[in-house]
Protein backbone atom coordinates (compact mmCIF):
# COMPACT_ATOMS: atom_id res chain seq x y z
CA MET A 1 -15.52 5.22 -2.18
CA SER A 2 -14.33 3.10 -5.02
CA GLY A 3 -15.23 -0.54 -5.28
CA PRO A 4 -13.21 -3.46 -6.62
CA SER A 5 -14.63 -3.05 -10.12
CA THR A 6 -13.73 0.62 -10.35
CA TRP A 7 -9.96 0.55 -10.06
CA THR A 8 -7.00 -1.33 -11.49
CA VAL A 9 -3.55 -2.09 -10.10
CA GLU A 10 -0.78 -1.32 -12.55
CA GLN A 11 2.95 -1.82 -12.44
CA ARG A 12 4.75 1.53 -12.72
CA HIS A 13 8.30 2.79 -12.55
CA TRP A 14 9.34 4.09 -9.14
CA ASP A 15 9.69 7.62 -10.56
CA ASP A 16 6.21 7.64 -12.16
CA PRO A 17 4.55 10.98 -11.30
CA ALA A 18 1.49 9.29 -9.79
CA GLY A 19 3.69 7.22 -7.50
CA VAL A 20 5.82 10.23 -6.54
CA ALA A 21 2.64 12.13 -5.58
CA LEU A 22 1.23 9.23 -3.57
CA ARG A 23 4.50 8.75 -1.68
CA ALA A 24 4.67 12.49 -0.95
CA ALA A 25 1.11 12.36 0.48
CA GLN A 26 2.08 9.37 2.59
CA ARG A 27 5.18 11.15 3.87
CA ALA A 28 3.17 14.24 4.84
CA GLU A 29 0.63 12.08 6.70
CA LEU A 30 3.35 10.20 8.57
CA ASP A 31 5.23 13.37 9.43
CA ALA A 32 2.03 14.70 10.97
CA ARG A 33 1.35 11.46 12.89
CA TYR A 34 4.87 11.31 14.31
CA GLY A 35 5.36 15.05 14.76
CA SER A 36 8.62 15.02 12.78
CA ASP A 37 10.17 13.73 9.58
CA ASP A 38 12.50 11.39 11.48
CA HIS A 39 10.37 8.23 11.65
CA GLU A 40 11.91 5.82 9.18
CA PRO A 41 14.71 3.57 10.37
CA GLY A 42 16.96 2.23 7.65
CA THR A 43 17.49 3.23 4.07
CA ALA A 44 14.53 4.81 2.30
CA PRO A 45 13.50 2.89 -0.81
CA SER A 46 14.68 4.19 -4.18
CA ALA A 47 14.51 3.33 -7.87
CA GLU A 48 17.81 1.43 -7.43
CA ASP A 49 16.55 -0.98 -4.78
CA ILE A 50 12.84 -1.41 -5.47
CA ASP A 51 12.06 -4.51 -7.49
CA LEU A 52 8.41 -3.75 -8.17
CA PHE A 53 6.18 -0.72 -7.72
CA VAL A 54 2.43 -0.69 -8.32
CA VAL A 55 -0.21 2.06 -8.40
CA ALA A 56 -3.97 1.58 -8.16
CA ILE A 57 -5.95 3.84 -10.49
CA ASP A 58 -9.67 4.52 -10.02
CA ALA A 59 -12.28 4.58 -12.80
CA GLY A 60 -11.67 8.28 -13.29
CA GLY A 61 -7.98 7.74 -13.85
CA GLU A 62 -6.93 9.06 -10.43
CA PRO A 63 -4.14 7.31 -8.52
CA VAL A 64 -5.56 6.11 -5.19
CA ALA A 65 -3.01 3.66 -3.72
CA CYS A 66 0.49 2.29 -4.13
CA GLY A 67 2.90 -0.31 -2.85
CA ALA A 68 6.33 -1.73 -3.56
CA LEU A 69 8.60 -4.72 -3.03
CA ARG A 70 12.28 -4.63 -2.11
CA ARG A 71 14.14 -7.94 -2.20
CA LEU A 72 15.75 -8.94 1.07
CA ASP A 73 17.39 -12.24 0.09
CA GLU A 74 16.84 -15.30 -2.15
CA THR A 75 13.41 -16.11 -0.72
CA SER A 76 12.05 -12.95 0.85
CA ALA A 77 11.14 -9.34 0.12
CA GLU A 78 9.95 -6.35 2.09
CA VAL A 79 6.70 -4.54 1.40
CA LYS A 80 7.41 -0.81 1.15
CA ARG A 81 5.36 2.34 0.68
CA MET A 82 1.88 0.88 1.03
CA TYR A 83 -0.42 3.86 0.93
CA VAL A 84 -4.08 4.56 0.20
CA THR A 85 -5.53 8.04 -0.18
CA PRO A 86 -7.94 8.87 2.65
CA PRO A 87 -11.10 8.93 0.45
CA SER A 88 -10.32 5.40 -0.85
CA ARG A 89 -9.68 3.81 2.55
CA GLY A 90 -12.10 1.01 3.33
CA SER A 91 -12.77 0.36 -0.35
CA GLY A 92 -10.69 -2.83 -0.67
CA VAL A 93 -8.03 -1.17 -2.78
CA ALA A 94 -5.34 -1.72 -0.10
CA THR A 95 -6.07 -5.45 -0.17
CA ALA A 96 -5.89 -5.46 -3.98
CA VAL A 97 -2.50 -3.71 -3.92
CA LEU A 98 -1.18 -6.12 -1.28
CA ARG A 99 -2.43 -9.17 -3.21
CA ALA A 100 -0.80 -7.82 -6.39
CA LEU A 101 2.49 -7.52 -4.48
CA GLU A 102 2.11 -11.02 -3.05
CA ALA A 103 1.39 -12.46 -6.50
CA ALA A 104 4.45 -10.71 -7.93
CA ALA A 105 6.57 -12.04 -5.08
CA GLY A 106 5.35 -15.55 -5.80
CA GLU A 107 6.19 -15.17 -9.49
CA ARG A 108 9.73 -14.27 -8.44
CA GLY A 109 10.02 -17.34 -6.20
CA TRP A 110 9.90 -15.33 -2.97
CA THR A 111 8.11 -17.26 -0.27
CA THR A 112 8.10 -14.71 2.55
CA LEU A 113 7.05 -11.09 2.74
CA ARG A 114 8.10 -8.89 5.64
CA LEU A 115 7.24 -5.35 6.44
CA GLU A 116 7.65 -2.61 8.95
CA THR A 117 4.96 -0.19 10.05
CA GLY A 118 4.94 2.26 12.90
CA THR A 119 3.71 2.38 16.45
CA ALA A 120 1.58 5.43 15.53
CA GLN A 121 -0.18 3.46 12.78
CA PRO A 122 -2.67 1.15 14.55
CA ASP A 123 -4.83 1.19 11.43
CA ALA A 124 -1.98 -0.31 9.36
CA GLN A 125 -1.27 -2.87 12.10
CA ARG A 126 -4.92 -3.98 12.06
CA PHE A 127 -4.90 -4.18 8.26
CA TYR A 128 -1.83 -6.43 8.08
CA ARG A 129 -3.12 -8.72 10.84
CA ARG A 130 -6.45 -9.00 9.05
CA GLU A 131 -4.62 -9.87 5.80
CA GLY A 132 -2.76 -12.79 7.38
CA TYR A 133 0.45 -11.15 8.54
CA THR A 134 1.92 -12.08 11.90
CA GLU A 135 3.89 -9.74 14.14
CA ILE A 136 7.58 -10.74 14.29
CA PRO A 137 10.61 -9.41 16.11
CA LEU A 138 12.07 -6.24 14.62
CA PHE A 139 14.40 -7.19 11.77
CA GLY A 140 17.27 -5.59 9.87
CA PRO A 141 17.44 -1.83 10.17
CA TYR A 142 14.37 -1.78 12.42
CA ALA A 143 16.03 -3.76 15.23
CA GLY A 144 16.09 -1.53 18.31
CA SER A 145 13.65 1.04 16.87
CA ASP A 146 11.11 2.44 19.31
CA LEU A 147 8.84 3.44 16.43
CA SER A 148 8.64 0.16 14.51
CA VAL A 149 6.37 -2.90 14.47
CA CYS A 150 7.26 -5.66 12.01
CA PHE A 151 5.13 -8.32 10.33
CA GLU A 152 5.63 -11.33 8.10
CA ARG A 153 3.57 -13.62 5.91
CA ARG A 154 4.62 -16.85 4.33
CA LEU A 155 3.19 -17.14 0.82
CA GLY A 156 1.76 -20.17 -0.87
């Protein structure tokens, strides 16, 4: 496991190869959890609608986590594509990525972060609750989804 002093969180372009590989690994894990590839309500994030994408790199130069922000309105954004490789889970890198996203949101004047995770992801739900996010009613494209659980945190 990596510790907080052995990785860095870097801003990258959405199409960065490390990010592409991390998102592919996340997709494969979610496809396995849900038993299909039809588990994401709404529009998948893309280079055109992601405002910020970060990758955490360990001391050996390996990408171990990622996360993104997609602006929702003047004061809020959505956390997208939070993922940590299985060997790095429990290391604190997920919290570091989330805090980097929150800091970037604050720099942009966004005061609220929202996110959607899935019903088959109790580990993610526990993580967001532990990090100060509160469960909220399903919003936007997730309204009416049987697979979604949504959270929000007010920043500052």
